C-alpha atoms as a PDB file:
ATOM      1  CA  MET A   1      -2.925-169.415-234.461  1.00  0.00           C
ATOM      2  CA  PHE A   2      -6.160-170.570-236.113  1.00  0.00           C
ATOM      3  CA  LYS A   3      -7.152-172.634-233.038  1.00  0.00           C
ATOM      4  CA  SER A   4      -6.552-169.640-230.767  1.00  0.00           C
ATOM      5  CA  LEU A   5      -8.666-167.402-232.995  1.00  0.00           C
ATOM      6  CA  LEU A   6     -11.449-170.011-233.113  1.00  0.00           C
ATOM      7  CA  LEU A   7     -11.430-170.371-229.307  1.00  0.00           C
ATOM      8  CA  PHE A   8     -11.487-166.583-228.844  1.00  0.00           C
ATOM      9  CA  THR A   9     -14.398-166.236-231.314  1.00  0.00           C
ATOM     10  CA  THR A  10     -16.325-169.044-229.590  1.00  0.00           C
ATOM     11  CA  LEU A  11     -15.863-167.427-226.169  1.00  0.00           C
ATOM     12  CA  LEU A  12     -16.802-164.032-227.544  1.00  0.00           C
ATOM     13  CA  PHE A  13     -20.111-165.229-229.014  1.00  0.00           C
ATOM     14  CA  THR A  14     -21.172-167.730-226.337  1.00  0.00           C
ATOM     15  CA  ALA A  15     -24.382-166.593-224.734  1.00  0.00           C
ATOM     16  CA  THR A  16     -25.164-167.295-221.110  1.00  0.00           C
ATOM     17  CA  VAL A  17     -28.566-168.987-220.880  1.00  0.00           C
ATOM     18  CA  VAL A  18     -30.158-169.325-217.441  1.00  0.00           C
ATOM     19  CA  THR A  19     -33.453-171.025-216.615  1.00  0.00           C
ATOM     20  CA  VAL A  20     -34.889-169.766-213.337  1.00  0.00           C
ATOM     21  CA  PRO A  21     -37.756-171.534-211.527  1.00  0.00           C
ATOM     22  CA  VAL A  22     -40.844-169.552-210.585  1.00  0.00           C
ATOM     23  CA  ASP A  23     -41.655-169.071-206.905  1.00  0.00           C
ATOM     24  CA  THR A  24     -45.253-170.327-206.956  1.00  0.00           C
ATOM     25  CA  ALA A  25     -46.050-168.865-203.532  1.00  0.00           C
ATOM     26  CA  GLY A  26     -44.848-165.402-204.552  1.00  0.00           C
ATOM     27  CA  SER A  27     -46.485-165.442-207.999  1.00  0.00           C
ATOM     28  CA  GLN A  28     -50.130-165.005-208.898  1.00  0.00           C
ATOM     29  CA  VAL A  29     -52.726-164.967-211.651  1.00  0.00           C
ATOM     30  CA  THR A  30     -55.844-162.872-211.249  1.00  0.00           C
ATOM     31  CA  TRP A  31     -58.815-163.146-213.604  1.00  0.00           C
ATOM     32  CA  LYS A  32     -61.751-160.926-214.482  1.00  0.00           C
ATOM     33  CA  GLY A  33     -64.811-161.949-216.480  1.00  0.00           C
ATOM     34  CA  TYR A  34     -67.523-159.628-217.746  1.00  0.00           C
ATOM     35  CA  LYS A  35     -71.293-159.867-218.152  1.00  0.00           C
ATOM     36  CA  VAL A  36     -74.005-157.390-219.159  1.00  0.00           C
ATOM     37  CA  THR A  37     -74.833-156.629-215.524  1.00  0.00           C
ATOM     38  CA  GLY A  38     -71.243-156.334-214.221  1.00  0.00           C
ATOM     39  CA  SER A  39     -68.175-158.502-213.701  1.00  0.00           C
ATOM     40  CA  HIS A  40     -66.544-161.033-211.419  1.00  0.00           C
ATOM     41  CA  GLU A  41     -62.894-161.449-210.517  1.00  0.00           C
ATOM     42  CA  GLY A  42     -60.659-163.788-208.608  1.00  0.00           C
ATOM     43  CA  THR A  43     -57.424-165.744-208.474  1.00  0.00           C
ATOM     44  CA  ILE A  44     -55.900-168.970-209.792  1.00  0.00           C
ATOM     45  CA  ALA A  45     -52.763-170.548-208.280  1.00  0.00           C
ATOM     46  CA  ILE A  46     -49.625-171.135-210.313  1.00  0.00           C
ATOM     47  CA  GLN A  47     -48.668-174.805-210.168  1.00  0.00           C
ATOM     48  CA  GLN A  48     -45.145-174.543-211.573  1.00  0.00           C
ATOM     49  CA  GLY A  49     -43.105-172.565-214.067  1.00  0.00           C
ATOM     50  CA  ASP A  50     -39.777-171.164-215.153  1.00  0.00           C
ATOM     51  CA  LEU A  51     -38.388-168.237-217.103  1.00  0.00           C
ATOM     52  CA  GLU A  52     -35.395-168.392-219.442  1.00  0.00           C
ATOM     53  CA  PHE A  53     -32.924-165.541-219.798  1.00  0.00           C
ATOM     54  CA  THR A  54     -30.083-165.187-222.298  1.00  0.00           C
ATOM     55  CA  ASP A  55     -27.464-162.665-221.200  1.00  0.00           C
ATOM     56  CA  GLY A  56     -30.064-161.137-218.854  1.00  0.00           C
ATOM     57  CA  GLN A  57     -32.776-160.795-221.524  1.00  0.00           C
ATOM     58  CA  LEU A  58     -36.041-162.770-221.416  1.00  0.00           C
ATOM     59  CA  THR A  59     -35.972-165.450-224.133  1.00  0.00           C
ATOM     60  CA  GLY A  60     -38.466-168.116-223.030  1.00  0.00           C
ATOM     61  CA  GLY A  61     -40.294-169.923-220.303  1.00  0.00           C
ATOM     62  CA  SER A  62     -43.582-171.506-219.363  1.00  0.00           C
ATOM     63  CA  PHE A  63     -46.003-171.828-216.488  1.00  0.00           C
ATOM     64  CA  ALA A  64     -48.946-174.008-215.539  1.00  0.00           C
ATOM     65  CA  ILE A  65     -51.935-173.035-213.434  1.00  0.00           C
ATOM     66  CA  ASP A  66     -54.006-175.268-211.182  1.00  0.00           C
ATOM     67  CA  MET A  67     -57.575-174.793-212.427  1.00  0.00           C
ATOM     68  CA  SER A  68     -59.011-176.425-209.291  1.00  0.00           C
ATOM     69  CA  SER A  69     -57.636-173.471-207.277  1.00  0.00           C
ATOM     70  CA  LEU A  70     -59.936-171.006-209.100  1.00  0.00           C
ATOM     71  CA  LYS A  71     -61.432-168.590-206.553  1.00  0.00           C
ATOM     72  CA  ALA A  72     -63.827-165.646-206.760  1.00  0.00           C
ATOM     73  CA  THR A  73     -62.640-162.669-204.714  1.00  0.00           C
ATOM     74  CA  ASP A  74     -65.277-160.027-205.454  1.00  0.00           C
ATOM     75  CA  ILE A  75     -68.044-161.905-203.579  1.00  0.00           C
ATOM     76  CA  THR A  76     -68.110-164.086-200.467  1.00  0.00           C
ATOM     77  CA  GLY A  77     -70.077-166.868-198.842  1.00  0.00           C
ATOM     78  CA  GLN A  78     -72.578-168.981-200.748  1.00  0.00           C
ATOM     79  CA  GLY A  79     -72.444-166.670-203.777  1.00  0.00           C
ATOM     80  CA  ALA A  80     -68.701-167.218-204.155  1.00  0.00           C
ATOM     81  CA  THR A  81     -69.039-170.981-203.651  1.00  0.00           C
ATOM     82  CA  LYS A  82     -71.776-171.172-206.297  1.00  0.00           C
ATOM     83  CA  LEU A  83     -69.811-169.099-208.827  1.00  0.00           C
ATOM     84  CA  GLU A  84     -66.597-171.093-208.274  1.00  0.00           C
ATOM     85  CA  GLY A  85     -68.471-174.373-208.681  1.00  0.00           C
ATOM     86  CA  HIS A  86     -70.095-173.173-211.897  1.00  0.00           C
ATOM     87  CA  LEU A  87     -66.788-171.945-213.371  1.00  0.00           C
ATOM     88  CA  LYS A  88     -65.194-175.323-212.544  1.00  0.00           C
ATOM     89  CA  SER A  89     -68.118-177.258-214.077  1.00  0.00           C
ATOM     90  CA  ASP A  90     -68.401-178.523-217.647  1.00  0.00           C
ATOM     91  CA  ASP A  91     -70.396-175.361-218.516  1.00  0.00           C
ATOM     92  CA  PHE A  92     -67.102-173.483-218.295  1.00  0.00           C
ATOM     93  CA  PHE A  93     -63.623-174.975-217.679  1.00  0.00           C
ATOM     94  CA  GLY A  94     -64.434-178.640-216.871  1.00  0.00           C
ATOM     95  CA  VAL A  95     -61.790-178.748-214.161  1.00  0.00           C
ATOM     96  CA  ALA A  96     -62.416-182.423-213.311  1.00  0.00           C
ATOM     97  CA  ASN A  97     -61.292-183.381-216.830  1.00  0.00           C
ATOM     98  CA  TYR A  98     -58.915-180.457-217.488  1.00  0.00           C
ATOM     99  CA  PRO A  99     -57.193-179.672-214.172  1.00  0.00           C
ATOM    100  CA  THR A 100     -54.280-177.700-215.651  1.00  0.00           C
ATOM    101  CA  ALA A 101     -53.915-174.815-218.104  1.00  0.00           C
ATOM    102  CA  LYS A 102     -50.500-173.912-219.515  1.00  0.00           C
ATOM    103  CA  LEU A 103     -48.688-171.106-221.322  1.00  0.00           C
ATOM    104  CA  THR A 104     -45.444-171.776-223.190  1.00  0.00           C
ATOM    105  CA  ILE A 105     -43.429-168.859-224.596  1.00  0.00           C
ATOM    106  CA  THR A 106     -42.414-169.483-228.226  1.00  0.00           C
ATOM    107  CA  ASN A 107     -40.860-166.119-229.154  1.00  0.00           C
ATOM    108  CA  VAL A 108     -39.734-162.945-227.383  1.00  0.00           C
ATOM    109  CA  VAL A 109     -38.882-159.615-229.014  1.00  0.00           C
ATOM    110  CA  SER A 110     -37.542-156.547-227.223  1.00  0.00           C
ATOM    111  CA  ARG A 111     -39.838-153.520-227.457  1.00  0.00           C
ATOM    112  CA  GLY A 112     -36.814-151.188-227.401  1.00  0.00           C
ATOM    113  CA  THR A 113     -36.954-150.272-223.713  1.00  0.00           C
ATOM    114  CA  PRO A 114     -35.031-152.360-221.150  1.00  0.00           C
ATOM    115  CA  GLY A 115     -37.335-154.955-219.607  1.00  0.00           C
ATOM    116  CA  GLU A 116     -40.161-154.429-222.124  1.00  0.00           C
ATOM    117  CA  TYR A 117     -40.964-157.365-224.425  1.00  0.00           C
ATOM    118  CA  ARG A 118     -43.538-158.526-226.967  1.00  0.00           C
ATOM    119  CA  VAL A 119     -44.194-162.207-226.285  1.00  0.00           C
ATOM    120  CA  THR A 120     -45.703-164.880-228.506  1.00  0.00           C
ATOM    121  CA  GLY A 121     -46.836-168.032-226.783  1.00  0.00           C
ATOM    122  CA  ASP A 122     -49.057-171.076-226.935  1.00  0.00           C
ATOM    123  CA  ILE A 123     -51.790-171.213-224.297  1.00  0.00           C
ATOM    124  CA  THR A 124     -53.609-174.464-223.621  1.00  0.00           C
ATOM    125  CA  ILE A 125     -57.006-174.533-221.903  1.00  0.00           C
ATOM    126  CA  LYS A 126     -59.250-177.626-221.993  1.00  0.00           C
ATOM    127  CA  GLU A 127     -56.699-179.347-224.300  1.00  0.00           C
ATOM    128  CA  THR A 128     -57.137-176.617-226.940  1.00  0.00           C
ATOM    129  CA  THR A 129     -53.960-174.705-227.791  1.00  0.00           C
ATOM    130  CA  LYS A 130     -54.027-171.210-229.300  1.00  0.00           C
ATOM    131  CA  GLU A 131     -51.204-168.842-230.176  1.00  0.00           C
ATOM    132  CA  ILE A 132     -51.447-165.505-228.370  1.00  0.00           C
ATOM    133  CA  ARG A 133     -49.401-162.308-228.227  1.00  0.00           C
ATOM    134  CA  PHE A 134     -49.035-159.909-225.327  1.00  0.00           C
ATOM    135  CA  ASN A 135     -46.654-157.370-223.808  1.00  0.00           C
ATOM    136  CA  THR A 136     -44.681-158.110-220.671  1.00  0.00           C
ATOM    137  CA  ASN A 137     -42.441-156.154-218.354  1.00  0.00           C
ATOM    138  CA  VAL A 138     -39.519-157.811-216.547  1.00  0.00           C
ATOM    139  CA  THR A 139     -37.620-156.238-213.662  1.00  0.00           C
ATOM    140  CA  GLU A 140     -34.935-157.585-211.359  1.00  0.00           C
ATOM    141  CA  SER A 141     -35.017-156.980-207.627  1.00  0.00           C
ATOM    142  CA  ASN A 142     -32.933-158.564-204.851  1.00  0.00           C
ATOM    143  CA  GLY A 143     -31.706-161.365-207.123  1.00  0.00           C
ATOM    144  CA  ALA A 144     -35.180-162.316-208.400  1.00  0.00           C
ATOM    145  CA  TYR A 145     -36.933-161.480-211.654  1.00  0.00           C
ATOM    146  CA  VAL A 146     -40.519-160.203-211.679  1.00  0.00           C
ATOM    147  CA  ALA A 147     -42.462-160.572-214.944  1.00  0.00           C
ATOM    148  CA  THR A 148     -45.901-158.982-215.309  1.00  0.00           C
ATOM    149  CA  ALA A 149     -48.375-159.244-218.177  1.00  0.00           C
ATOM    150  CA  ASP A 150     -51.993-158.403-218.915  1.00  0.00           C
ATOM    151  CA  ILE A 151     -53.522-161.003-221.236  1.00  0.00           C
ATOM    152  CA  LYS A 152     -56.963-160.835-222.854  1.00  0.00           C
ATOM    153  CA  LEU A 153     -58.465-164.140-224.032  1.00  0.00           C
ATOM    154  CA  ASP A 154     -61.629-165.169-225.855  1.00  0.00           C
ATOM    155  CA  ARG A 155     -63.110-168.083-223.902  1.00  0.00           C
ATOM    156  CA  THR A 156     -64.973-169.393-226.965  1.00  0.00           C
ATOM    157  CA  ASP A 157     -61.589-170.212-228.547  1.00  0.00           C
ATOM    158  CA  PHE A 158     -61.387-172.935-225.873  1.00  0.00           C
ATOM    159  CA  ASP A 159     -64.948-174.237-226.286  1.00  0.00           C
ATOM    160  CA  VAL A 160     -66.260-172.302-223.267  1.00  0.00           C
ATOM    161  CA  ARG A 161     -69.580-171.076-224.658  1.00  0.00           C
ATOM    162  CA  TYR A 162     -71.995-170.937-221.715  1.00  0.00           C
ATOM    163  CA  GLY A 163     -74.024-167.708-221.817  1.00  0.00           C
ATOM    164  CA  SER A 164     -72.169-166.430-224.896  1.00  0.00           C
ATOM    165  CA  GLY A 165     -74.124-164.003-227.054  1.00  0.00           C
ATOM    166  CA  SER A 166     -71.977-165.184-229.951  1.00  0.00           C
ATOM    167  CA  PHE A 167     -73.610-168.628-229.822  1.00  0.00           C
ATOM    168  CA  PHE A 168     -76.991-168.179-228.099  1.00  0.00           C
ATOM    169  CA  ASP A 169     -79.866-165.803-228.870  1.00  0.00           C
ATOM    170  CA  ASN A 170     -82.184-163.967-226.491  1.00  0.00           C
ATOM    171  CA  LEU A 171     -79.895-164.107-223.435  1.00  0.00           C
ATOM    172  CA  GLY A 172     -80.662-160.511-222.508  1.00  0.00           C
ATOM    173  CA  ASP A 173     -79.032-159.501-219.219  1.00  0.00           C
ATOM    174  CA  LYS A 174     -77.816-163.105-218.727  1.00  0.00           C
ATOM    175  CA  THR A 175     -75.209-162.624-221.478  1.00  0.00           C
ATOM    176  CA  ILE A 176     -71.620-163.303-220.424  1.00  0.00           C
ATOM    177  CA  TYR A 177     -69.023-161.632-222.630  1.00  0.00           C
ATOM    178  CA  ASP A 178     -66.570-163.849-224.486  1.00  0.00           C
ATOM    179  CA  GLU A 179     -63.399-162.000-223.536  1.00  0.00           C
ATOM    180  CA  PHE A 180     -61.848-162.255-220.098  1.00  0.00           C
ATOM    181  CA  ASP A 181     -58.640-160.887-218.573  1.00  0.00           C
ATOM    182  CA  LEU A 182     -55.690-162.603-216.934  1.00  0.00           C
ATOM    183  CA  ASN A 183     -53.209-160.472-215.010  1.00  0.00           C
ATOM    184  CA  VAL A 184     -50.051-162.506-214.459  1.00  0.00           C
ATOM    185  CA  THR A 185     -47.212-161.808-212.025  1.00  0.00           C
ATOM    186  CA  LEU A 186     -44.378-164.329-212.057  1.00  0.00           C
ATOM    187  CA  VAL A 187     -41.676-163.969-209.416  1.00  0.00           C
ATOM    188  CA  THR A 188     -38.612-166.197-209.783  1.00  0.00           C
ATOM    189  CA  LYS A 189     -36.781-167.874-206.952  1.00  0.00           C
ATOM    190  CA  GLN A 190     -33.585-166.101-205.890  1.00  0.00           C
END
């Protein structure tokens, strides 16, 4: 009798954990950086990733982005090439030495509405890791999950100080603001 009760209790409380790989071709990260005279925006390719679900609820995951894929989309031609080269240089993200950035989810809490979560994670850029928090929305469509999040980061936390009014005086209209945005859409494989 005791063994039967123990087996029933174990089956009753066993959670189903599923790790689903991210479809890198169907997923994207867009970025937007701000300066006194305007802004620039573009894309960065997702290298690999996965999301973890426990009984259909988001509980973890991670993804890496290929920093060498950084593109500007708001300008074209030589202007875009120059901006991309500068962002990849040691003035900014030092892509030759730091080719990958990564986000690893460390905690997920439901926000009370199905598919809405508050996520805590560790983001690593230029070998510096910082804990961040952001909201995400997860939906399921045609057997695939779609997770979206808007993340605001301070580039100086990752030793990216070029043109920062927080570290340099008298920059005037050459000032580049410290905060930048990442808009992340992760689509899992079916």
